[in-house]
């Protein structure tokens, strides 16, 4: 398949994804879809109208932002669309450890657990509570992680990595290549390499809120990078 054909396939599949989201009544308009996923409506319009090509990087970023399977825009099969499991604003999550540092996420009662007004959460943010000591001393049980679905990946911070097998990990990015990512454990004792096909999505952790800072309302002492 030449470059022109792959660009056209990505454009066609993106259009199908948007149509499916509207047909299944998850959203009413394309603009509403863009607002929900934090996308620029004008940018998406340019892609759909063939005024801009969907390159490799743009395709993978779109898949991640829309909560789609990796490489789904490149496939010839009809794309299947489900809303991303990442919670909308107002829903908090808690680690449910499966094996050591690998965990799944479960919803918890936001009314009893976390005052969102203090930390000014926006639509692209969600919160994870640390429940075990596997990430000690970097993260302690009871601490909160604020993740951003739209932030750029950086080797300077930590990330919540979503694997296609349904598990999540908290890691630090070392480097990324065309087909894989290299990560480092938070205690810097282990390097981990994942193929991009093994990863569903990656969301940067933009703030770490220690329990003591939250319980006393002293969010100035939290390691926040939010604007």
N, C-alpha and C. Protein backbone atom coordinates (compact mmCIF):
# COMPACT_ATOMS: atom_id res chain seq x y z
N UNK A 1 0.84 -1.19 0.00
CA UNK A 1 0.00 0.00 0.00
C UNK A 1 0.88 1.25 0.00
N UNK A 2 0.62 2.15 -0.95
CA UNK A 2 1.44 3.35 -1.00
C UNK A 2 0.93 4.40 -0.01
N UNK A 3 1.68 5.50 0.08
CA UNK A 3 1.37 6.52 1.09
C UNK A 3 -0.02 7.12 0.87
N UNK A 4 -0.36 7.39 -0.39
CA UNK A 4 -1.66 8.00 -0.68
C UNK A 4 -2.80 7.10 -0.23
N UNK A 5 -2.64 5.80 -0.43
CA UNK A 5 -3.70 4.86 -0.06
C UNK A 5 -3.86 4.77 1.45
N UNK A 6 -2.74 4.77 2.19
CA UNK A 6 -2.85 4.68 3.65
C UNK A 6 -3.44 5.96 4.23
N UNK A 7 -3.09 7.11 3.65
CA UNK A 7 -3.68 8.37 4.10
C UNK A 7 -5.20 8.35 3.89
N UNK A 8 -5.63 7.86 2.73
CA UNK A 8 -7.06 7.81 2.42
C UNK A 8 -7.78 6.82 3.33
N UNK A 9 -7.13 5.69 3.63
CA UNK A 9 -7.75 4.70 4.52
C UNK A 9 -7.94 5.29 5.92
N UNK A 10 -6.93 6.00 6.39
CA UNK A 10 -7.05 6.62 7.72
C UNK A 10 -8.17 7.65 7.74
N UNK A 11 -8.26 8.45 6.68
CA UNK A 11 -9.31 9.46 6.61
C UNK A 11 -10.69 8.79 6.61
N UNK A 12 -10.84 7.75 5.80
CA UNK A 12 -12.12 7.03 5.71
C UNK A 12 -12.50 6.42 7.05
N UNK A 13 -11.54 5.78 7.71
CA UNK A 13 -11.82 5.15 9.00
C UNK A 13 -12.14 6.18 10.08
N UNK A 14 -11.45 7.32 10.05
CA UNK A 14 -11.76 8.38 11.02
C UNK A 14 -13.19 8.87 10.82
N UNK A 15 -13.60 9.03 9.58
CA UNK A 15 -14.97 9.45 9.29
C UNK A 15 -15.97 8.42 9.78
N UNK A 16 -15.63 7.13 9.61
CA UNK A 16 -16.53 6.06 10.07
C UNK A 16 -16.64 6.06 11.59
N UNK A 17 -15.52 6.30 12.26
CA UNK A 17 -15.53 6.34 13.73
C UNK A 17 -16.47 7.45 14.21
N UNK A 18 -16.35 8.63 13.62
CA UNK A 18 -17.19 9.76 14.02
C UNK A 18 -18.66 9.47 13.71
N UNK A 19 -18.91 8.90 12.54
CA UNK A 19 -20.30 8.55 12.17
C UNK A 19 -20.89 7.53 13.15
N UNK A 20 -20.08 6.55 13.55
CA UNK A 20 -20.57 5.51 14.47
C UNK A 20 -20.89 6.10 15.84
N UNK A 21 -20.06 7.01 16.30
CA UNK A 21 -20.31 7.64 17.60
C UNK A 21 -21.62 8.43 17.59
N UNK A 22 -21.95 9.01 16.44
CA UNK A 22 -23.21 9.75 16.33
C UNK A 22 -24.38 8.79 16.12
N UNK A 23 -24.20 7.77 15.26
CA UNK A 23 -25.27 6.82 14.97
C UNK A 23 -25.70 6.04 16.21
N UNK A 24 -24.75 5.74 17.09
CA UNK A 24 -25.06 5.00 18.31
C UNK A 24 -25.55 5.92 19.42
N UNK A 25 -25.76 7.20 19.08
CA UNK A 25 -26.33 8.20 19.98
C UNK A 25 -25.46 8.46 21.21
N UNK A 26 -24.16 8.20 21.08
CA UNK A 26 -23.25 8.56 22.16
C UNK A 26 -22.98 10.07 22.13
N UNK A 27 -23.07 10.64 20.92
CA UNK A 27 -22.91 12.08 20.75
C UNK A 27 -23.87 12.53 19.67
N UNK A 28 -24.19 13.83 19.70
CA UNK A 28 -25.14 14.37 18.72
C UNK A 28 -24.45 14.93 17.49
N UNK A 29 -23.26 15.51 17.68
CA UNK A 29 -22.56 16.18 16.57
C UNK A 29 -21.07 15.88 16.62
N UNK A 30 -20.41 16.15 15.50
CA UNK A 30 -18.96 16.02 15.47
C UNK A 30 -18.29 16.99 16.42
N UNK A 31 -18.86 18.19 16.55
CA UNK A 31 -18.30 19.18 17.47
C UNK A 31 -18.34 18.67 18.90
N UNK A 32 -19.42 18.03 19.27
CA UNK A 32 -19.56 17.47 20.62
C UNK A 32 -18.51 16.38 20.86
N UNK A 33 -18.24 15.58 19.84
CA UNK A 33 -17.22 14.54 19.95
C UNK A 33 -15.85 15.17 20.20
N UNK A 34 -15.54 16.20 19.43
CA UNK A 34 -14.24 16.87 19.59
C UNK A 34 -14.10 17.48 20.97
N UNK A 35 -15.16 18.10 21.46
CA UNK A 35 -15.11 18.70 22.80
C UNK A 35 -14.91 17.65 23.87
N UNK A 36 -15.57 16.51 23.72
CA UNK A 36 -15.46 15.44 24.73
C UNK A 36 -14.05 14.89 24.80
N UNK A 37 -13.42 14.69 23.64
CA UNK A 37 -12.10 14.07 23.60
C UNK A 37 -10.96 15.09 23.56
N UNK A 38 -11.30 16.36 23.65
CA UNK A 38 -10.26 17.39 23.68
C UNK A 38 -9.57 17.59 22.35
N UNK A 39 -10.30 17.44 21.24
CA UNK A 39 -9.74 17.61 19.91
C UNK A 39 -10.18 18.94 19.31
N UNK A 40 -9.40 19.46 18.39
CA UNK A 40 -9.75 20.68 17.69
C UNK A 40 -10.73 20.34 16.56
N UNK A 41 -11.90 20.95 16.59
CA UNK A 41 -12.90 20.68 15.56
C UNK A 41 -12.41 21.09 14.18
N UNK A 42 -11.69 22.20 14.10
CA UNK A 42 -11.18 22.65 12.80
C UNK A 42 -10.11 21.69 12.26
N UNK A 43 -9.29 21.17 13.16
CA UNK A 43 -8.26 20.20 12.75
C UNK A 43 -8.90 18.93 12.21
N UNK A 44 -9.90 18.41 12.91
CA UNK A 44 -10.58 17.20 12.46
C UNK A 44 -11.28 17.45 11.13
N UNK A 45 -11.87 18.63 10.98
CA UNK A 45 -12.54 18.96 9.71
C UNK A 45 -11.55 18.96 8.55
N UNK A 46 -10.37 19.48 8.78
CA UNK A 46 -9.33 19.50 7.74
C UNK A 46 -8.91 18.08 7.37
N UNK A 47 -8.81 17.21 8.36
CA UNK A 47 -8.45 15.81 8.08
C UNK A 47 -9.54 15.12 7.26
N UNK A 48 -10.78 15.37 7.63
CA UNK A 48 -11.90 14.70 6.95
C UNK A 48 -12.11 15.25 5.54
N UNK A 49 -11.74 16.51 5.33
CA UNK A 49 -11.92 17.12 4.01
C UNK A 49 -10.69 16.96 3.11
N UNK A 50 -9.75 16.14 3.56
CA UNK A 50 -8.52 15.85 2.80
C UNK A 50 -7.62 17.07 2.63
N UNK A 51 -7.83 18.11 3.42
CA UNK A 51 -6.96 19.28 3.33
C UNK A 51 -5.64 19.03 4.06
N UNK A 52 -5.67 18.05 4.98
CA UNK A 52 -4.45 17.65 5.69
C UNK A 52 -4.37 16.14 5.69
N UNK A 53 -3.18 15.62 5.50
CA UNK A 53 -2.98 14.17 5.51
C UNK A 53 -2.81 13.67 6.94
N UNK A 54 -3.25 12.45 7.18
CA UNK A 54 -3.09 11.83 8.49
C UNK A 54 -1.85 10.96 8.47
N UNK A 55 -0.75 11.50 8.93
CA UNK A 55 0.50 10.76 8.97
C UNK A 55 0.54 9.75 10.09
N UNK A 56 1.66 9.05 10.21
CA UNK A 56 1.82 7.99 11.21
C UNK A 56 1.63 8.53 12.63
N UNK A 57 2.32 9.61 12.97
CA UNK A 57 2.23 10.16 14.32
C UNK A 57 0.82 10.66 14.61
N UNK A 58 0.23 11.37 13.66
CA UNK A 58 -1.12 11.90 13.86
C UNK A 58 -2.14 10.78 14.04
N UNK A 59 -1.99 9.70 13.27
CA UNK A 59 -2.93 8.57 13.37
C UNK A 59 -2.87 7.93 14.74
N UNK A 60 -1.65 7.70 15.24
CA UNK A 60 -1.51 7.07 16.56
C UNK A 60 -2.03 7.98 17.67
N UNK A 61 -1.80 9.28 17.53
CA UNK A 61 -2.29 10.23 18.54
C UNK A 61 -3.82 10.29 18.53
N UNK A 62 -4.41 10.26 17.35
CA UNK A 62 -5.87 10.28 17.25
C UNK A 62 -6.47 9.02 17.89
N UNK A 63 -5.85 7.87 17.62
CA UNK A 63 -6.33 6.62 18.22
C UNK A 63 -6.28 6.70 19.74
N UNK A 64 -5.19 7.25 20.26
CA UNK A 64 -5.04 7.35 21.71
C UNK A 64 -6.07 8.31 22.29
N UNK A 65 -6.25 9.47 21.66
CA UNK A 65 -7.18 10.46 22.18
C UNK A 65 -8.63 9.99 22.11
N UNK A 66 -8.96 9.22 21.07
CA UNK A 66 -10.33 8.74 20.91
C UNK A 66 -10.59 7.42 21.64
N UNK A 67 -9.55 6.89 22.30
CA UNK A 67 -9.71 5.64 23.04
C UNK A 67 -9.87 4.43 22.13
N UNK A 68 -9.28 4.49 20.93
CA UNK A 68 -9.38 3.40 19.96
C UNK A 68 -8.21 2.44 20.09
N UNK A 69 -8.38 1.25 19.55
CA UNK A 69 -7.28 0.29 19.51
C UNK A 69 -6.17 0.84 18.62
N UNK A 70 -4.93 0.56 18.99
CA UNK A 70 -3.79 1.00 18.19
C UNK A 70 -3.85 0.39 16.79
N UNK A 71 -3.59 1.22 15.80
CA UNK A 71 -3.55 0.86 14.37
C UNK A 71 -4.94 0.62 13.76
N UNK A 72 -6.01 0.93 14.49
CA UNK A 72 -7.34 0.68 13.95
C UNK A 72 -7.62 1.57 12.73
N UNK A 73 -7.02 2.76 12.69
CA UNK A 73 -7.24 3.63 11.54
C UNK A 73 -6.55 3.12 10.28
N UNK A 74 -5.58 2.21 10.45
CA UNK A 74 -4.84 1.67 9.30
C UNK A 74 -5.46 0.39 8.76
N UNK A 75 -6.42 -0.16 9.46
CA UNK A 75 -6.95 -1.47 9.09
C UNK A 75 -8.03 -1.36 8.02
N UNK A 76 -8.14 -2.42 7.24
CA UNK A 76 -9.15 -2.45 6.18
C UNK A 76 -10.52 -2.87 6.73
N UNK A 77 -10.53 -3.56 7.87
CA UNK A 77 -11.80 -3.98 8.46
C UNK A 77 -12.57 -2.79 9.00
N UNK A 78 -13.88 -2.95 9.08
CA UNK A 78 -14.73 -1.89 9.60
C UNK A 78 -14.35 -1.59 11.05
N UNK A 79 -14.06 -0.33 11.38
CA UNK A 79 -13.65 -0.01 12.76
C UNK A 79 -14.80 -0.19 13.74
N UNK A 80 -14.46 -0.73 14.92
CA UNK A 80 -15.44 -0.85 16.00
C UNK A 80 -15.15 0.24 17.02
N UNK A 81 -16.19 0.85 17.51
CA UNK A 81 -16.01 2.00 18.38
C UNK A 81 -16.72 1.78 19.70
N UNK A 82 -15.98 1.99 20.78
CA UNK A 82 -16.56 2.02 22.12
C UNK A 82 -15.98 3.24 22.82
N UNK A 83 -16.74 3.80 23.71
CA UNK A 83 -16.22 4.93 24.47
C UNK A 83 -15.04 4.49 25.30
N UNK A 84 -14.04 5.34 25.40
CA UNK A 84 -12.86 5.04 26.19
C UNK A 84 -13.23 4.77 27.64
N UNK A 85 -12.62 3.74 28.28
CA UNK A 85 -12.91 3.47 29.68
C UNK A 85 -12.36 4.51 30.63
N UNK A 86 -11.51 5.40 30.15
CA UNK A 86 -10.99 6.44 31.02
C UNK A 86 -12.15 7.30 31.50
N UNK A 87 -12.26 7.57 32.77
CA UNK A 87 -13.44 8.22 33.31
C UNK A 87 -13.56 9.68 32.90
N UNK A 88 -14.78 10.16 32.86
CA UNK A 88 -15.02 11.58 32.66
C UNK A 88 -14.79 12.31 33.97
N UNK A 89 -14.81 13.63 33.88
CA UNK A 89 -14.60 14.43 35.07
C UNK A 89 -15.61 14.05 36.15
N UNK A 90 -15.17 13.96 37.39
CA UNK A 90 -16.06 13.66 38.50
C UNK A 90 -15.99 12.22 38.94
N UNK A 91 -15.34 11.35 38.18
CA UNK A 91 -15.21 9.95 38.55
C UNK A 91 -13.77 9.70 39.00
N UNK A 92 -13.62 9.12 40.18
CA UNK A 92 -12.30 8.80 40.71
C UNK A 92 -12.04 7.32 40.60
N UNK A 93 -10.77 6.96 40.50
CA UNK A 93 -10.38 5.57 40.38
C UNK A 93 -9.41 5.18 41.47
N UNK A 94 -9.35 3.89 41.72
CA UNK A 94 -8.44 3.36 42.72
C UNK A 94 -7.73 2.15 42.13
N UNK A 95 -6.43 2.03 42.47
CA UNK A 95 -5.67 0.86 42.02
C UNK A 95 -6.21 -0.42 42.67
N UNK A 96 -6.40 -1.42 41.85
CA UNK A 96 -6.70 -2.76 42.37
C UNK A 96 -5.58 -3.66 41.86
N UNK A 97 -4.61 -3.93 42.73
CA UNK A 97 -3.38 -4.61 42.32
C UNK A 97 -3.68 -6.04 41.87
N UNK A 98 -3.12 -6.39 40.71
CA UNK A 98 -3.26 -7.74 40.16
C UNK A 98 -1.99 -8.55 40.43
N UNK A 99 -0.85 -7.96 40.13
CA UNK A 99 0.43 -8.62 40.40
C UNK A 99 1.50 -7.56 40.58
N UNK A 100 1.98 -7.42 41.77
CA UNK A 100 2.99 -6.44 42.12
C UNK A 100 2.61 -5.06 41.58
N UNK A 101 3.36 -4.53 40.61
CA UNK A 101 3.11 -3.16 40.16
C UNK A 101 2.02 -3.05 39.11
N UNK A 102 1.52 -4.17 38.61
CA UNK A 102 0.44 -4.14 37.62
C UNK A 102 -0.91 -4.09 38.33
N UNK A 103 -1.83 -3.27 37.81
CA UNK A 103 -3.11 -3.11 38.48
C UNK A 103 -4.21 -2.86 37.45
N UNK A 104 -5.44 -2.98 37.93
CA UNK A 104 -6.60 -2.52 37.18
C UNK A 104 -7.20 -1.35 37.96
N UNK A 105 -8.17 -0.67 37.36
CA UNK A 105 -8.75 0.50 37.99
C UNK A 105 -10.22 0.27 38.29
N UNK A 106 -10.63 0.65 39.50
CA UNK A 106 -12.03 0.55 39.89
C UNK A 106 -12.51 1.93 40.33
N UNK A 107 -13.78 2.21 40.11
CA UNK A 107 -14.35 3.49 40.51
C UNK A 107 -14.55 3.53 42.02
N UNK A 108 -14.37 4.71 42.60
CA UNK A 108 -14.62 4.90 44.02
C UNK A 108 -15.54 6.10 44.21
N UNK A 109 -16.08 6.26 45.40
CA UNK A 109 -17.05 7.30 45.70
C UNK A 109 -16.34 8.65 45.82
N UNK A 110 -16.56 9.52 44.84
CA UNK A 110 -15.86 10.80 44.84
C UNK A 110 -16.32 11.70 45.99
N UNK A 111 -17.55 11.55 46.43
CA UNK A 111 -18.07 12.42 47.47
C UNK A 111 -17.34 12.20 48.80
N UNK A 112 -16.85 10.99 49.01
CA UNK A 112 -16.20 10.67 50.28
C UNK A 112 -14.69 10.71 50.20
N UNK A 113 -14.15 10.82 49.01
CA UNK A 113 -12.72 10.54 48.85
C UNK A 113 -11.85 11.72 48.45
N UNK A 114 -12.36 12.64 47.66
CA UNK A 114 -11.47 13.62 47.06
C UNK A 114 -12.24 14.89 46.75
N UNK A 115 -11.74 16.02 47.20
CA UNK A 115 -12.37 17.31 46.93
C UNK A 115 -11.82 17.85 45.62
N UNK A 116 -12.58 17.69 44.55
CA UNK A 116 -12.10 18.09 43.23
C UNK A 116 -11.99 19.61 43.08
N UNK A 117 -12.77 20.35 43.85
CA UNK A 117 -12.72 21.81 43.73
C UNK A 117 -11.37 22.36 44.15
N UNK A 118 -10.70 21.70 45.11
CA UNK A 118 -9.41 22.18 45.58
C UNK A 118 -8.38 22.15 44.46
N UNK A 119 -8.44 21.12 43.64
CA UNK A 119 -7.39 20.90 42.65
C UNK A 119 -7.81 21.29 41.23
N UNK A 120 -9.01 21.86 41.09
CA UNK A 120 -9.44 22.44 39.81
C UNK A 120 -9.31 21.45 38.65
N UNK A 121 -9.91 20.29 38.80
CA UNK A 121 -9.87 19.30 37.73
C UNK A 121 -10.65 19.80 36.52
N UNK A 122 -10.12 19.47 35.35
CA UNK A 122 -10.79 19.80 34.10
C UNK A 122 -11.25 18.52 33.42
N UNK A 123 -11.93 18.67 32.29
CA UNK A 123 -12.57 17.52 31.65
C UNK A 123 -11.58 16.43 31.26
N UNK A 124 -10.34 16.82 30.94
CA UNK A 124 -9.36 15.83 30.49
C UNK A 124 -8.62 15.16 31.65
N UNK A 125 -8.93 15.55 32.88
CA UNK A 125 -8.24 15.00 34.04
C UNK A 125 -9.03 13.87 34.70
N UNK A 126 -8.33 12.95 35.33
CA UNK A 126 -8.95 11.96 36.20
C UNK A 126 -7.95 11.62 37.29
N UNK A 127 -8.44 10.99 38.35
CA UNK A 127 -7.63 10.81 39.56
C UNK A 127 -7.55 9.34 39.93
N UNK A 128 -6.32 8.90 40.27
CA UNK A 128 -6.09 7.51 40.70
C UNK A 128 -5.54 7.54 42.12
N UNK A 129 -6.10 6.71 43.00
CA UNK A 129 -5.59 6.59 44.36
C UNK A 129 -4.65 5.38 44.44
N UNK A 130 -3.46 5.61 44.98
CA UNK A 130 -2.48 4.54 45.19
C UNK A 130 -2.93 3.71 46.39
N UNK A 131 -2.91 2.38 46.27
CA UNK A 131 -3.42 1.55 47.37
C UNK A 131 -2.38 0.60 47.95
N UNK A 132 -1.25 0.39 47.27
CA UNK A 132 -0.25 -0.55 47.76
C UNK A 132 1.11 0.14 47.81
N UNK A 133 2.09 -0.56 48.38
CA UNK A 133 3.42 0.04 48.58
C UNK A 133 4.42 -0.37 47.51
N UNK A 134 3.95 -0.92 46.39
CA UNK A 134 4.87 -1.37 45.35
C UNK A 134 5.63 -0.23 44.69
N UNK A 135 5.10 1.00 44.78
CA UNK A 135 5.77 2.14 44.17
C UNK A 135 6.51 2.99 45.20
N UNK A 136 6.61 2.49 46.43
CA UNK A 136 7.35 3.19 47.48
C UNK A 136 8.84 3.21 47.13
N UNK A 137 9.59 4.29 47.37
CA UNK A 137 9.17 5.51 48.07
C UNK A 137 8.62 6.61 47.17
N UNK A 138 8.61 6.39 45.84
CA UNK A 138 8.12 7.44 44.94
C UNK A 138 6.65 7.76 45.21
N UNK A 139 5.86 6.72 45.42
CA UNK A 139 4.43 6.88 45.70
C UNK A 139 4.08 6.05 46.92
N UNK A 140 3.27 6.61 47.78
CA UNK A 140 2.88 5.90 49.00
C UNK A 140 1.38 5.62 48.98
N UNK A 141 0.95 4.54 49.67
CA UNK A 141 -0.48 4.22 49.73
C UNK A 141 -1.29 5.41 50.24
N UNK A 142 -2.40 5.67 49.58
CA UNK A 142 -3.26 6.78 49.95
C UNK A 142 -3.01 8.05 49.16
N UNK A 143 -1.87 8.14 48.49
CA UNK A 143 -1.59 9.31 47.66
C UNK A 143 -2.48 9.29 46.42
N UNK A 144 -2.62 10.47 45.82
CA UNK A 144 -3.44 10.63 44.63
C UNK A 144 -2.58 11.01 43.43
N UNK A 145 -2.92 10.46 42.27
CA UNK A 145 -2.27 10.81 41.01
C UNK A 145 -3.31 11.47 40.12
N UNK A 146 -3.02 12.66 39.63
CA UNK A 146 -3.90 13.32 38.67
C UNK A 146 -3.32 13.11 37.27
N UNK A 147 -4.08 12.46 36.42
CA UNK A 147 -3.64 12.14 35.06
C UNK A 147 -4.35 13.05 34.06
N UNK A 148 -3.67 13.27 32.95
CA UNK A 148 -4.19 14.15 31.90
C UNK A 148 -4.22 13.39 30.58
N UNK A 149 -5.40 13.24 30.02
CA UNK A 149 -5.56 12.48 28.77
C UNK A 149 -4.96 13.19 27.56
N UNK A 150 -4.67 14.49 27.70
CA UNK A 150 -4.23 15.26 26.54
C UNK A 150 -2.78 15.72 26.63
N UNK A 151 -2.12 15.55 27.77
CA UNK A 151 -0.77 16.07 27.95
C UNK A 151 0.23 15.31 27.08
N UNK A 152 1.30 16.00 26.70
CA UNK A 152 2.36 15.39 25.91
C UNK A 152 3.19 14.44 26.78
N UNK A 153 3.67 13.36 26.16
CA UNK A 153 4.54 12.43 26.88
C UNK A 153 5.90 13.09 27.11
N UNK A 154 6.47 12.84 28.28
CA UNK A 154 7.75 13.45 28.61
C UNK A 154 8.57 12.49 29.46
N UNK A 155 9.88 12.51 29.23
CA UNK A 155 10.78 11.68 30.04
C UNK A 155 11.01 12.29 31.41
N UNK A 156 10.49 13.48 31.64
CA UNK A 156 10.71 14.16 32.92
C UNK A 156 9.70 13.73 33.98
N UNK A 157 8.59 13.13 33.57
CA UNK A 157 7.54 12.79 34.53
C UNK A 157 7.19 11.32 34.49
N UNK A 158 6.18 10.96 35.29
CA UNK A 158 5.73 9.57 35.31
C UNK A 158 4.44 9.44 34.51
N UNK A 159 4.15 8.23 34.11
CA UNK A 159 3.05 7.96 33.20
C UNK A 159 2.19 6.81 33.70
N UNK A 160 0.92 6.85 33.36
CA UNK A 160 0.05 5.70 33.55
C UNK A 160 -0.07 5.01 32.20
N UNK A 161 0.45 3.80 32.13
CA UNK A 161 0.51 3.05 30.87
C UNK A 161 -0.60 2.00 30.85
N UNK A 162 -1.45 2.08 29.84
CA UNK A 162 -2.56 1.15 29.69
C UNK A 162 -2.17 0.08 28.66
N UNK A 163 -2.10 -1.17 29.09
CA UNK A 163 -1.77 -2.27 28.19
C UNK A 163 -3.03 -2.83 27.55
N UNK A 164 -2.87 -3.43 26.39
CA UNK A 164 -4.03 -3.98 25.68
C UNK A 164 -4.63 -5.17 26.42
N UNK A 165 -3.89 -5.78 27.36
CA UNK A 165 -4.42 -6.90 28.13
C UNK A 165 -5.29 -6.47 29.30
N UNK A 166 -5.52 -5.14 29.42
CA UNK A 166 -6.39 -4.63 30.46
C UNK A 166 -5.71 -4.20 31.74
N UNK A 167 -4.39 -4.37 31.83
CA UNK A 167 -3.64 -3.98 33.02
C UNK A 167 -3.03 -2.60 32.84
N UNK A 168 -2.72 -1.96 33.97
CA UNK A 168 -2.07 -0.66 33.94
C UNK A 168 -0.79 -0.70 34.78
N UNK A 169 0.13 0.18 34.44
CA UNK A 169 1.39 0.32 35.17
C UNK A 169 1.73 1.80 35.31
N UNK A 170 2.43 2.14 36.39
CA UNK A 170 2.97 3.48 36.55
C UNK A 170 4.47 3.40 36.27
N UNK A 171 4.92 4.10 35.23
CA UNK A 171 6.30 3.99 34.79
C UNK A 171 6.84 5.37 34.39
N UNK A 172 8.13 5.43 34.17
CA UNK A 172 8.75 6.64 33.63
C UNK A 172 9.28 6.33 32.23
N UNK A 173 9.01 7.23 31.30
CA UNK A 173 9.46 7.03 29.92
C UNK A 173 10.94 7.31 29.79
N UNK A 174 11.68 6.39 29.16
CA UNK A 174 13.10 6.58 28.89
C UNK A 174 13.29 7.04 27.45
N UNK A 175 12.65 6.32 26.52
CA UNK A 175 12.77 6.68 25.11
C UNK A 175 11.64 6.01 24.33
N UNK A 176 11.41 6.50 23.12
CA UNK A 176 10.42 5.86 22.25
C UNK A 176 10.98 5.76 20.85
N UNK A 177 10.71 4.63 20.21
CA UNK A 177 11.15 4.38 18.85
C UNK A 177 9.92 4.19 17.97
N UNK A 178 10.14 3.85 16.73
CA UNK A 178 9.01 3.72 15.80
C UNK A 178 8.05 2.63 16.22
N UNK A 179 8.57 1.54 16.80
CA UNK A 179 7.71 0.41 17.11
C UNK A 179 7.67 0.03 18.59
N UNK A 180 8.38 0.75 19.45
CA UNK A 180 8.37 0.37 20.87
C UNK A 180 8.68 1.56 21.78
N UNK A 181 8.35 1.36 23.06
CA UNK A 181 8.70 2.32 24.11
C UNK A 181 9.63 1.63 25.10
N UNK A 182 10.58 2.39 25.64
CA UNK A 182 11.40 1.90 26.73
C UNK A 182 11.06 2.71 27.99
N UNK A 183 10.71 1.97 29.05
CA UNK A 183 10.33 2.59 30.31
C UNK A 183 11.30 2.19 31.41
N UNK A 184 11.19 2.89 32.53
CA UNK A 184 11.97 2.57 33.71
C UNK A 184 11.04 2.55 34.91
N UNK A 185 11.24 1.56 35.80
CA UNK A 185 10.44 1.51 37.01
C UNK A 185 10.73 2.74 37.87
N UNK A 186 9.80 3.08 38.75
CA UNK A 186 9.96 4.30 39.54
C UNK A 186 11.14 4.24 40.50
N UNK A 187 11.50 3.04 40.92
CA UNK A 187 12.66 2.93 41.80
C UNK A 187 13.98 2.81 41.03
N UNK A 188 13.90 2.94 39.68
CA UNK A 188 15.06 2.97 38.80
C UNK A 188 15.88 1.69 38.83
N UNK A 189 15.26 0.58 39.18
CA UNK A 189 15.98 -0.69 39.24
C UNK A 189 15.74 -1.56 38.02
N UNK A 190 14.79 -1.20 37.18
CA UNK A 190 14.43 -2.10 36.09
C UNK A 190 14.03 -1.31 34.85
N UNK A 191 14.53 -1.73 33.70
CA UNK A 191 14.11 -1.18 32.41
C UNK A 191 13.07 -2.14 31.80
N UNK A 192 12.05 -1.55 31.20
CA UNK A 192 10.97 -2.34 30.63
C UNK A 192 10.72 -1.84 29.21
N UNK A 193 10.63 -2.78 28.27
CA UNK A 193 10.36 -2.43 26.87
C UNK A 193 9.01 -3.02 26.47
N UNK A 194 8.14 -2.18 25.92
CA UNK A 194 6.86 -2.63 25.39
C UNK A 194 6.77 -2.25 23.92
N UNK A 195 6.33 -3.19 23.11
CA UNK A 195 6.01 -2.87 21.73
C UNK A 195 4.78 -1.95 21.72
N UNK A 196 4.70 -1.08 20.76
CA UNK A 196 3.56 -0.16 20.69
C UNK A 196 2.25 -0.92 20.52
N UNK A 197 2.32 -2.10 19.91
CA UNK A 197 1.12 -2.90 19.74
C UNK A 197 0.63 -3.50 21.06
N UNK A 198 1.48 -3.49 22.10
CA UNK A 198 1.09 -3.98 23.42
C UNK A 198 0.39 -2.91 24.26
N UNK A 199 0.45 -1.67 23.78
CA UNK A 199 -0.04 -0.54 24.58
C UNK A 199 -1.31 0.03 23.97
N UNK A 200 -2.31 0.20 24.81
CA UNK A 200 -3.56 0.80 24.36
C UNK A 200 -3.45 2.32 24.34
N UNK A 201 -2.94 2.89 25.45
CA UNK A 201 -2.76 4.34 25.54
C UNK A 201 -1.85 4.65 26.71
N UNK A 202 -1.35 5.89 26.73
CA UNK A 202 -0.47 6.36 27.79
C UNK A 202 -0.92 7.75 28.20
N UNK A 203 -1.09 7.95 29.51
CA UNK A 203 -1.50 9.26 30.01
C UNK A 203 -0.49 9.76 31.04
N UNK A 204 0.06 10.95 30.85
CA UNK A 204 0.99 11.52 31.83
C UNK A 204 0.32 11.82 33.17
N UNK A 205 1.08 11.61 34.23
CA UNK A 205 0.66 12.03 35.57
C UNK A 205 1.14 13.47 35.75
N UNK A 206 0.22 14.40 35.90
CA UNK A 206 0.60 15.81 35.96
C UNK A 206 0.68 16.34 37.39
N UNK A 207 0.21 15.55 38.37
CA UNK A 207 0.32 15.99 39.76
C UNK A 207 0.28 14.78 40.68
N UNK A 208 1.06 14.85 41.75
CA UNK A 208 1.07 13.83 42.80
C UNK A 208 0.65 14.52 44.09
N UNK A 209 -0.41 14.03 44.70
CA UNK A 209 -0.95 14.68 45.90
C UNK A 209 -0.74 13.76 47.10
N UNK A 210 0.23 14.06 47.97
CA UNK A 210 0.41 13.26 49.19
C UNK A 210 -0.82 13.36 50.08
N UNK A 211 -1.09 12.31 50.82
CA UNK A 211 -2.28 12.27 51.68
C UNK A 211 -2.27 13.40 52.69
N UNK A 212 -1.13 13.69 53.27
CA UNK A 212 -1.07 14.74 54.29
C UNK A 212 -1.40 16.09 53.71
N UNK A 213 -0.96 16.34 52.48
CA UNK A 213 -1.24 17.63 51.85
C UNK A 213 -2.73 17.77 51.58
N UNK A 214 -3.36 16.67 51.15
CA UNK A 214 -4.78 16.74 50.83
C UNK A 214 -5.61 16.88 52.08
N UNK A 215 -5.32 16.07 53.10
CA UNK A 215 -6.16 16.05 54.28
C UNK A 215 -6.13 17.37 55.03
N UNK A 216 -5.03 18.12 54.92
CA UNK A 216 -4.94 19.41 55.58
C UNK A 216 -5.22 20.58 54.65
N UNK A 217 -5.54 20.25 53.39
CA UNK A 217 -5.87 21.30 52.44
C UNK A 217 -4.67 22.10 51.99
N UNK A 218 -3.45 21.62 52.24
CA UNK A 218 -2.27 22.38 51.86
C UNK A 218 -1.77 21.91 50.50
N UNK A 219 -2.53 22.20 49.46
CA UNK A 219 -2.15 21.71 48.15
C UNK A 219 -0.93 22.41 47.60
N UNK A 220 -0.44 23.46 48.26
CA UNK A 220 0.79 24.09 47.80
C UNK A 220 1.99 23.18 47.96
N UNK A 221 1.92 22.22 48.91
CA UNK A 221 3.04 21.32 49.12
C UNK A 221 3.00 20.11 48.22
N UNK A 222 1.89 19.95 47.48
CA UNK A 222 1.77 18.84 46.55
C UNK A 222 2.67 19.10 45.35
N UNK A 223 3.08 18.00 44.72
CA UNK A 223 3.97 18.11 43.57
C UNK A 223 3.13 18.40 42.33
N UNK A 224 2.58 19.58 42.24
CA UNK A 224 1.63 19.88 41.15
C UNK A 224 2.33 20.55 39.99
N UNK A 225 1.91 20.17 38.81
CA UNK A 225 2.40 20.82 37.60
C UNK A 225 1.22 21.36 36.78
N UNK A 226 0.05 21.40 37.41
CA UNK A 226 -1.12 21.87 36.70
C UNK A 226 -1.13 23.37 36.63
N UNK A 227 -1.63 23.90 35.53
CA UNK A 227 -1.69 25.34 35.37
C UNK A 227 -2.90 25.93 36.07
